[in-house]
Amino acid sequence: MNSRIDDVNGVNDIRVVDDRIIFVPGKLDLEESGVIKNPGDISLQSSRIIAELAVCLGTVEASLSDLVKLVVYYVQFDVDEMELRLHLGRCLGTTVQTAVTFVPIRQLRIAEALVEIEAIAIRGESSREGVVHSDLAMPGAGFCHGLRCGEFAFLSGQSSDSYNASILFPDDLVSQNQKTIENLRLVMQLMDVDDTDIVKVNSWRAPTMDRLAYETAASDRFRFLAASGPAVTGITIPRLNAIGHQIRLDLWAMDTHLQRTKINPPDHWGWKIAASYSHGLQVGPWLFVGGQAALDKDCIVQYPENIVQQIDVTKCFIENIIKHATGEYKLVKLNGLFCDSTDSDQRIQIRQTLTDLFPSSRPVRTFIPVDHLAYSHQAIELDAIAKLQVNDSKIN
């Protein structure tokens, strides 16, 4: 069964898929008028978002204890990420254990917003187990390094941190990338997750001018992910939680007994260096779409001066992946990273264009502004999750 309810902010919806899996869009501490509450106070904003999230989940007979993954986007300034993590843990309460990824950025989509949180929850699942590895920095109350729930496994964002949270290999992208992969493997072993189980990876990295280091780190990730060929989204952010950090990775995995099909349409854009990624990965009834951009086959950005046209091209790439999947799929979740405009009229047009994407599916959506993306003049990157549609007579 698929159901939708209005988000309490009046901007987005939440979606319940198969009567179990709940997708919640990025939530801000907003007035009904769209003005940010508690400007300048990240602790109060985050507390109120968690309280609002509990209300949203309650409307579909779920609770915070059903959470399986949070993504916390926060505006850097002088925020201590560990303090924010501990504060959110207290807000979640003692009955919650969820995977989490923290993403520091320069700004959010509404002025004076300091934190935005998106969530996934799974209700009614008895087989649920969180894991914490002693060799890694402690995740804090409310969080774990990895969570297995039913057929899904969610790994929290990992970096090269050691158990005492010290930065290993500061400013060394290649070494940090290798250590981050090693840390993911430690968690995967605890969860009995194999390389072939991986379905979706998010890579958050600090900017680097060292092209050789960038390509070496990318090649190491290609080898790590070669067995599964997952959908991948890679985003550059100004910096991670502390100066010297270079990369953070999180991932989803699913049981390998499910049928898997890699989708790389022949008329699609490709990568500049040989990659083990897939544009789309069909896993049982799910379709994971990796980060899509308005690129041609030579990885040159189309319509470099027009973000609205880039959005349209990127949308067509997502539709192309869905078209090449076996069966009829409908989007349930859409995430976008976009370079905002300083022109107020164009900013309004960009937001309206993003809001109007996929009107028939109306997926849950989270849009985050970033400084720049992987390719020169790239202004938008979209990734998505789609679900196989079944005959109404077969829906419980």
Protein backbone atom coordinates (compact mmCIF):
# COMPACT_ATOMS: atom_id res chain seq x y z
CA MET A 1 0.00 0.00 0.00
CA ASN A 2 1.25 3.50 -0.81
CA SER A 3 -0.09 6.41 1.22
CA ARG A 4 0.75 10.08 1.48
CA ILE A 5 0.03 12.75 4.03
CA ASP A 6 0.77 16.46 4.01
CA ASP A 7 3.99 17.47 5.69
CA VAL A 8 3.34 19.64 8.76
CA ASN A 9 5.40 22.40 7.17
CA GLY A 10 2.93 22.45 4.29
CA VAL A 11 5.74 22.19 1.74
CA ASN A 12 6.40 18.50 1.22
CA ASP A 13 4.79 15.16 1.93
CA ILE A 14 5.88 11.99 3.61
CA ARG A 15 5.32 8.68 1.87
CA VAL A 16 4.65 5.22 3.23
CA VAL A 17 5.67 2.48 0.79
CA ASP A 18 4.44 -1.11 1.07
CA ASP A 19 2.81 -0.18 4.38
CA ARG A 20 6.27 -0.31 5.99
CA ILE A 21 8.88 2.09 4.70
CA ILE A 22 8.41 5.76 5.48
CA PHE A 23 10.29 8.45 3.56
CA VAL A 24 10.37 11.88 5.21
CA PRO A 25 11.70 14.88 3.22
CA GLY A 26 14.21 17.35 4.58
CA LYS A 27 12.52 19.20 7.44
CA LEU A 28 13.27 22.69 8.68
CA ASP A 29 12.08 24.57 11.76
CA LEU A 30 9.48 26.61 9.88
CA GLU A 31 6.52 28.81 10.63
CA GLU A 32 3.41 28.07 8.54
CA SER A 33 4.28 31.24 6.60
CA GLY A 34 7.61 29.68 5.56
CA VAL A 35 9.77 31.84 7.86
CA ILE A 36 12.45 30.10 9.92
CA LYS A 37 11.79 29.89 13.64
CA ASN A 38 14.57 30.41 16.20
CA PRO A 39 17.09 32.08 13.86
CA GLY A 40 20.67 31.72 15.06
CA ASP A 41 19.92 28.82 17.42
CA ILE A 42 20.89 25.47 15.87
CA SER A 43 20.14 23.54 19.06
CA LEU A 44 16.58 24.82 19.30
CA GLN A 45 15.98 24.40 15.57
CA SER A 46 17.18 20.79 15.67
CA SER A 47 15.15 20.02 18.82
CA ARG A 48 11.99 21.30 17.17
CA ILE A 49 12.67 19.35 13.97
CA ILE A 50 12.98 16.11 15.93
CA ALA A 51 9.75 16.90 17.78
CA GLU A 52 8.04 17.62 14.46
CA LEU A 53 9.43 14.42 13.00
CA ALA A 54 7.88 12.47 15.89
CA VAL A 55 4.50 14.08 15.11
CA CYS A 56 4.81 13.23 11.40
CA LEU A 57 5.65 9.61 12.12
CA GLY A 58 2.81 9.40 14.61
CA THR A 59 0.28 10.30 11.92
CA VAL A 60 1.18 7.05 10.11
CA GLU A 61 1.29 4.97 13.30
CA ALA A 62 5.08 5.01 13.57
CA SER A 63 7.48 6.55 16.08
CA LEU A 64 11.06 7.74 16.39
CA SER A 65 12.07 4.21 17.44
CA ASP A 66 11.21 3.11 13.86
CA LEU A 67 13.91 5.35 12.37
CA VAL A 68 16.60 3.61 10.31
CA LYS A 69 18.45 6.54 8.74
CA LEU A 70 18.82 10.27 9.30
CA VAL A 71 20.73 12.73 7.14
CA VAL A 72 21.54 15.92 9.03
CA TYR A 73 22.51 18.89 6.84
CA TYR A 74 23.86 21.71 8.98
CA VAL A 75 25.32 25.13 8.27
CA GLN A 76 28.95 25.09 9.34
CA PHE A 77 30.01 28.37 10.89
CA ASP A 78 31.46 27.30 14.26
CA VAL A 79 29.26 24.26 14.85
CA ASP A 80 30.90 21.44 16.80
CA GLU A 81 29.58 18.36 15.03
CA MET A 82 30.06 16.12 18.06
CA GLU A 83 28.05 18.50 20.23
CA LEU A 84 25.29 18.55 17.62
CA ARG A 85 25.37 14.75 17.45
CA LEU A 86 25.06 14.44 21.24
CA HIS A 87 22.27 17.01 21.33
CA LEU A 88 20.28 15.18 18.64
CA GLY A 89 20.81 11.92 20.51
CA ARG A 90 19.26 13.43 23.60
CA CYS A 91 16.33 14.72 21.52
CA LEU A 92 15.73 11.27 20.03
CA GLY A 93 15.61 9.56 23.42
CA THR A 94 16.87 6.28 24.81
CA THR A 95 14.65 3.98 22.72
CA VAL A 96 16.08 5.12 19.37
CA GLN A 97 19.01 3.60 17.53
CA THR A 98 19.43 4.76 13.96
CA ALA A 99 22.11 5.18 11.31
CA VAL A 100 23.03 8.82 10.63
CA THR A 101 25.14 10.93 8.29
CA PHE A 102 26.11 14.51 9.09
CA VAL A 103 26.68 16.83 6.12
CA PRO A 104 28.14 20.29 6.79
CA ILE A 105 27.25 22.87 4.14
CA ARG A 106 27.51 26.62 3.70
CA GLN A 107 23.82 27.44 3.52
CA LEU A 108 20.35 25.90 3.34
CA ARG A 109 17.51 26.71 0.97
CA ILE A 110 15.82 29.20 3.34
CA ALA A 111 17.64 32.11 4.97
CA GLU A 112 18.48 31.66 8.67
CA ALA A 113 17.94 27.90 8.56
CA LEU A 114 20.86 26.24 10.32
CA VAL A 115 19.83 22.57 10.15
CA GLU A 116 17.69 20.37 7.90
CA ILE A 117 16.98 16.70 8.63
CA GLU A 118 15.60 14.02 6.32
CA ALA A 119 14.62 10.56 7.53
CA ILE A 120 13.71 7.01 6.64
CA ALA A 121 11.77 4.79 9.03
CA ILE A 122 10.59 1.19 8.81
CA ARG A 123 7.62 0.25 10.96
CA GLY A 124 6.48 -3.18 12.05
CA GLU A 125 9.86 -4.85 11.45
CA SER A 126 10.87 -7.37 14.13
CA SER A 127 14.33 -8.15 12.71
CA ARG A 128 16.16 -4.96 13.66
CA GLU A 129 19.74 -4.78 14.93
CA GLY A 130 22.13 -1.87 15.34
CA VAL A 131 25.90 -2.35 15.57
CA VAL A 132 28.74 -0.26 17.00
CA HIS A 133 32.38 -1.04 16.24
CA SER A 134 34.88 -0.32 19.03
CA ASP A 135 37.66 0.69 16.61
CA LEU A 136 35.61 3.62 15.30
CA ALA A 137 34.67 6.96 16.83
CA MET A 138 31.69 6.39 19.12
CA PRO A 139 28.45 7.38 17.38
CA GLY A 140 26.73 8.78 20.49
CA ALA A 141 23.40 7.89 22.09
CA GLY A 142 20.61 7.37 19.61
CA PHE A 143 22.97 6.41 16.80
CA CYS A 144 24.90 3.38 15.59
CA HIS A 145 27.53 2.67 12.95
CA GLY A 146 25.18 0.38 11.08
CA LEU A 147 21.60 -0.83 11.28
CA ARG A 148 20.10 -3.93 9.73
CA CYS A 149 16.32 -3.89 9.41
CA GLY A 150 14.55 -6.56 7.39
CA GLU A 151 16.13 -6.83 3.94
CA PHE A 152 17.89 -3.45 4.31
CA ALA A 153 21.18 -2.46 5.90
CA PHE A 154 22.05 1.20 6.49
CA LEU A 155 25.61 2.32 7.28
CA SER A 156 26.20 5.67 8.93
CA GLY A 157 28.53 8.18 7.33
CA GLN A 158 32.11 7.10 7.94
CA SER A 159 35.36 8.99 7.58
CA SER A 160 38.95 8.17 8.54
CA ASP A 161 38.42 8.94 12.24
CA SER A 162 39.90 6.58 14.82
CA TYR A 163 38.17 5.39 18.00
CA ASN A 164 39.13 8.59 19.86
CA ALA A 165 37.76 10.78 17.02
CA SER A 166 41.21 12.05 16.04
CA ILE A 167 41.79 12.92 12.38
CA LEU A 168 44.02 10.39 10.66
CA PHE A 169 46.02 11.51 7.61
CA PRO A 170 44.92 15.17 7.73
CA ASP A 171 44.48 16.74 4.27
CA ASP A 172 45.53 13.45 2.60
CA LEU A 173 42.56 12.51 0.42
CA VAL A 174 43.98 9.21 -0.84
CA SER A 175 44.89 7.86 2.62
CA GLN A 176 41.66 9.11 4.20
CA ASN A 177 39.63 7.53 1.40
CA GLN A 178 41.38 4.18 1.93
CA LYS A 179 40.85 4.36 5.71
CA THR A 180 37.18 5.30 5.23
CA ILE A 181 36.65 2.24 3.04
CA GLU A 182 38.39 0.11 5.68
CA ASN A 183 36.07 1.53 8.35
CA LEU A 184 33.01 0.73 6.23
CA ARG A 185 34.26 -2.82 5.86
CA LEU A 186 34.60 -3.16 9.65
CA VAL A 187 30.94 -2.22 10.07
CA MET A 188 29.89 -4.42 7.15
CA GLN A 189 31.58 -7.43 8.78
CA LEU A 190 29.66 -6.87 12.02
CA MET A 191 26.43 -6.69 10.02
CA ASP A 192 27.22 -9.70 7.84
CA VAL A 193 27.03 -7.43 4.77
CA ASP A 194 29.01 -8.47 1.70
CA ASP A 195 30.47 -6.22 -1.02
CA THR A 196 27.86 -7.60 -3.41
CA ASP A 197 25.04 -6.38 -1.12
CA ILE A 198 25.76 -2.66 -1.67
CA VAL A 199 23.07 -0.81 -3.61
CA LYS A 200 23.61 2.94 -3.00
CA VAL A 201 26.62 5.01 -1.94
CA ASN A 202 26.88 8.70 -1.07
CA SER A 203 30.29 10.37 -1.17
CA TRP A 204 30.74 13.75 0.52
CA ARG A 205 34.19 15.23 -0.08
CA ALA A 206 36.07 18.45 0.54
CA PRO A 207 37.36 20.31 -2.54
CA THR A 208 40.82 19.46 -3.86
CA MET A 209 42.95 20.94 -6.62
CA ASP A 210 45.07 17.78 -6.77
CA ARG A 211 43.64 15.95 -9.78
CA LEU A 212 45.90 12.92 -9.30
CA ALA A 213 44.75 12.47 -5.68
CA TYR A 214 41.13 12.87 -6.77
CA GLU A 215 41.43 10.21 -9.48
CA THR A 216 43.44 7.83 -7.26
CA ALA A 217 40.82 8.01 -4.52
CA ALA A 218 38.06 7.51 -7.09
CA SER A 219 39.84 4.44 -8.49
CA ASP A 220 40.09 2.97 -4.97
CA ARG A 221 36.34 3.43 -4.55
CA PHE A 222 35.74 1.82 -7.96
CA ARG A 223 37.62 -1.29 -6.80
CA PHE A 224 35.69 -1.37 -3.51
CA LEU A 225 32.37 -1.18 -5.36
CA ALA A 226 33.22 -3.33 -8.38
CA ALA A 227 31.37 -6.40 -7.10
CA SER A 228 28.04 -4.62 -6.69
CA GLY A 229 28.05 -1.78 -9.25
CA PRO A 230 25.84 0.43 -7.05
CA ALA A 231 24.17 3.73 -7.77
CA VAL A 232 26.47 6.50 -6.48
CA THR A 233 26.13 10.20 -5.77
CA GLY A 234 29.32 12.18 -5.20
CA ILE A 235 29.11 15.75 -3.90
CA THR A 236 31.76 18.35 -3.09
CA ILE A 237 31.10 20.36 0.06
CA PRO A 238 33.26 23.23 1.44
CA ARG A 239 34.75 21.04 4.16
CA LEU A 240 33.76 18.23 6.50
CA ASN A 241 33.26 18.50 10.25
CA ALA A 242 36.81 19.64 10.97
CA ILE A 243 39.64 21.20 9.00
CA GLY A 244 41.75 18.40 7.56
CA HIS A 245 38.89 15.97 6.90
CA GLN A 246 38.60 15.15 3.20
CA ILE A 247 35.88 12.55 2.66
CA ARG A 248 32.85 10.85 4.19
CA LEU A 249 30.99 7.86 2.75
CA ASP A 250 27.73 6.20 3.66
CA LEU A 251 25.92 3.32 2.00
CA TRP A 252 22.82 1.18 1.76
CA ALA A 253 22.86 -2.55 1.24
CA MET A 254 20.20 -5.15 0.54
CA ASP A 255 20.12 -8.94 0.72
CA THR A 256 21.85 -10.53 -2.27
CA HIS A 257 19.13 -13.12 -2.89
CA LEU A 258 17.08 -10.39 -4.59
CA GLN A 259 17.34 -10.14 -8.38
CA ARG A 260 19.77 -7.38 -9.41
CA THR A 261 20.08 -5.62 -12.74
CA LYS A 262 22.56 -2.84 -13.53
CA ILE A 263 21.07 -0.16 -15.76
CA ASN A 264 23.44 1.82 -17.97
CA PRO A 265 21.46 2.95 -21.03
CA PRO A 266 23.58 3.07 -24.22
CA ASP A 267 22.55 6.65 -25.00
CA HIS A 268 23.39 7.89 -21.51
CA TRP A 269 26.30 10.05 -20.37
CA GLY A 270 29.36 8.28 -18.95
CA TRP A 271 32.24 8.96 -16.55
CA LYS A 272 35.59 10.51 -17.47
CA ILE A 273 37.48 7.57 -15.97
CA ALA A 274 36.35 3.96 -16.08
CA ALA A 275 33.88 3.48 -13.22
CA SER A 276 32.28 0.46 -11.59
CA TYR A 277 29.15 2.46 -10.81
CA SER A 278 25.72 2.00 -12.36
CA HIS A 279 23.40 4.81 -13.41
CA GLY A 280 20.60 2.69 -12.03
CA LEU A 281 20.49 -0.50 -10.00
CA GLN A 282 17.31 -2.56 -9.95
CA VAL A 283 17.13 -4.70 -6.79
CA GLY A 284 13.97 -6.76 -6.47
CA PRO A 285 11.13 -4.24 -6.52
CA TRP A 286 13.42 -1.24 -5.90
CA LEU A 287 15.30 0.97 -8.35
CA PHE A 288 18.17 3.13 -7.10
CA VAL A 289 19.18 5.98 -9.42
CA GLY A 290 22.67 7.43 -8.95
CA GLY A 291 23.47 11.12 -9.18
CA GLN A 292 22.45 12.44 -12.60
CA ALA A 293 23.67 15.62 -14.28
CA ALA A 294 23.19 17.46 -17.58
CA LEU A 295 26.26 15.94 -19.25
CA ASP A 296 26.95 14.68 -22.74
CA LYS A 297 28.91 11.51 -23.55
CA ASP A 298 32.18 13.42 -23.20
CA CYS A 299 31.19 14.58 -19.70
CA ILE A 300 30.77 18.17 -20.87
CA VAL A 301 27.98 20.10 -19.19
CA GLN A 302 25.05 20.95 -21.41
CA TYR A 303 23.51 24.44 -21.16
CA PRO A 304 26.30 25.69 -18.87
CA GLU A 305 24.67 29.07 -18.27
CA ASN A 306 21.09 27.85 -17.75
CA ILE A 307 20.26 25.83 -14.64
CA VAL A 308 16.58 25.48 -15.58
CA GLN A 309 17.52 23.73 -18.83
CA GLN A 310 20.06 21.61 -16.93
CA ILE A 311 17.29 20.51 -14.56
CA ASP A 312 15.16 19.46 -17.53
CA VAL A 313 18.00 17.44 -19.11
CA THR A 314 18.79 15.77 -15.77
CA LYS A 315 15.13 14.88 -15.32
CA CYS A 316 15.18 13.21 -18.76
CA PHE A 317 18.16 11.08 -17.71
CA ILE A 318 16.25 9.82 -14.66
CA GLU A 319 13.27 9.03 -16.89
CA ASN A 320 15.61 7.19 -19.27
CA ILE A 321 16.90 4.95 -16.47
CA ILE A 322 13.35 4.18 -15.34
CA LYS A 323 12.40 3.39 -18.95
CA HIS A 324 15.19 0.81 -19.17
CA ALA A 325 14.15 -0.95 -15.95
CA THR A 326 12.05 -4.10 -16.13
CA GLY A 327 8.51 -3.29 -15.02
CA GLU A 328 6.66 -0.09 -14.24
CA TYR A 329 8.48 1.99 -11.64
CA LYS A 330 7.30 5.11 -9.87
CA LEU A 331 9.54 7.56 -8.04
CA VAL A 332 9.10 7.67 -4.28
CA LYS A 333 12.13 9.77 -3.30
CA LEU A 334 14.05 12.54 -5.07
CA ASN A 335 17.11 14.40 -3.78
CA GLY A 336 18.71 17.38 -5.46
CA LEU A 337 21.94 19.27 -4.95
CA PHE A 338 21.92 22.57 -6.81
CA CYS A 339 24.02 25.70 -7.25
CA ASP A 340 21.75 28.58 -6.29
CA SER A 341 21.43 31.88 -8.11
CA THR A 342 22.17 35.30 -6.66
CA ASP A 343 19.39 36.73 -8.84
CA SER A 344 16.12 36.67 -6.87
CA ASP A 345 13.89 36.12 -9.92
CA GLN A 346 16.04 33.26 -11.16
CA ARG A 347 16.15 31.78 -7.67
CA ILE A 348 12.35 31.66 -7.63
CA GLN A 349 12.32 30.06 -11.09
CA ILE A 350 14.84 27.41 -10.02
CA ARG A 351 12.84 26.47 -6.95
CA GLN A 352 9.60 26.32 -8.91
CA THR A 353 11.20 24.14 -11.58
CA LEU A 354 12.51 21.74 -8.93
CA THR A 355 9.13 21.63 -7.18
CA ASP A 356 7.35 20.83 -10.46
CA LEU A 357 9.52 17.78 -11.26
CA PHE A 358 7.72 14.45 -11.73
CA PRO A 359 4.20 15.72 -10.99
CA SER A 360 2.57 12.33 -11.57
CA SER A 361 4.82 10.55 -9.05
CA ARG A 362 5.14 13.43 -6.58
CA PRO A 363 8.12 11.85 -4.81
CA VAL A 364 9.31 12.95 -1.39
CA ARG A 365 11.98 15.53 -2.12
CA THR A 366 14.93 17.21 -0.42
CA PHE A 367 16.85 19.99 -2.18
CA ILE A 368 20.13 21.30 -0.79
CA PRO A 369 22.15 24.23 -2.20
CA VAL A 370 25.87 23.66 -2.70
CA ASP A 371 28.78 25.86 -3.79
CA HIS A 372 29.75 23.78 -6.81
CA LEU A 373 29.47 20.29 -8.24
CA ALA A 374 31.85 17.81 -9.87
CA TYR A 375 32.07 19.39 -13.33
CA SER A 376 32.76 22.95 -14.37
CA HIS A 377 29.45 24.82 -14.91
CA GLN A 378 27.40 21.90 -13.52
CA ALA A 379 24.50 23.41 -11.60
CA ILE A 380 22.31 20.44 -10.63
CA GLU A 381 22.62 16.82 -9.53
CA LEU A 382 19.58 14.66 -8.87
CA ASP A 383 19.32 11.12 -7.50
CA ALA A 384 16.23 9.08 -6.82
CA ILE A 385 14.60 5.93 -5.55
CA ALA A 386 11.72 4.28 -7.41
CA LYS A 387 9.45 1.39 -6.50
CA LEU A 388 7.88 -1.23 -8.74
CA GLN A 389 4.16 -0.64 -9.17
CA VAL A 390 1.87 -3.66 -8.73
CA ASN A 391 -1.70 -4.35 -9.72
CA ASP A 392 -4.12 -2.84 -7.20
CA SER A 393 -5.76 -6.23 -6.72
CA LYS A 394 -2.47 -7.55 -5.36
CA ILE A 395 -1.96 -4.78 -2.84
CA ASN A 396 -2.59 -5.80 0.76
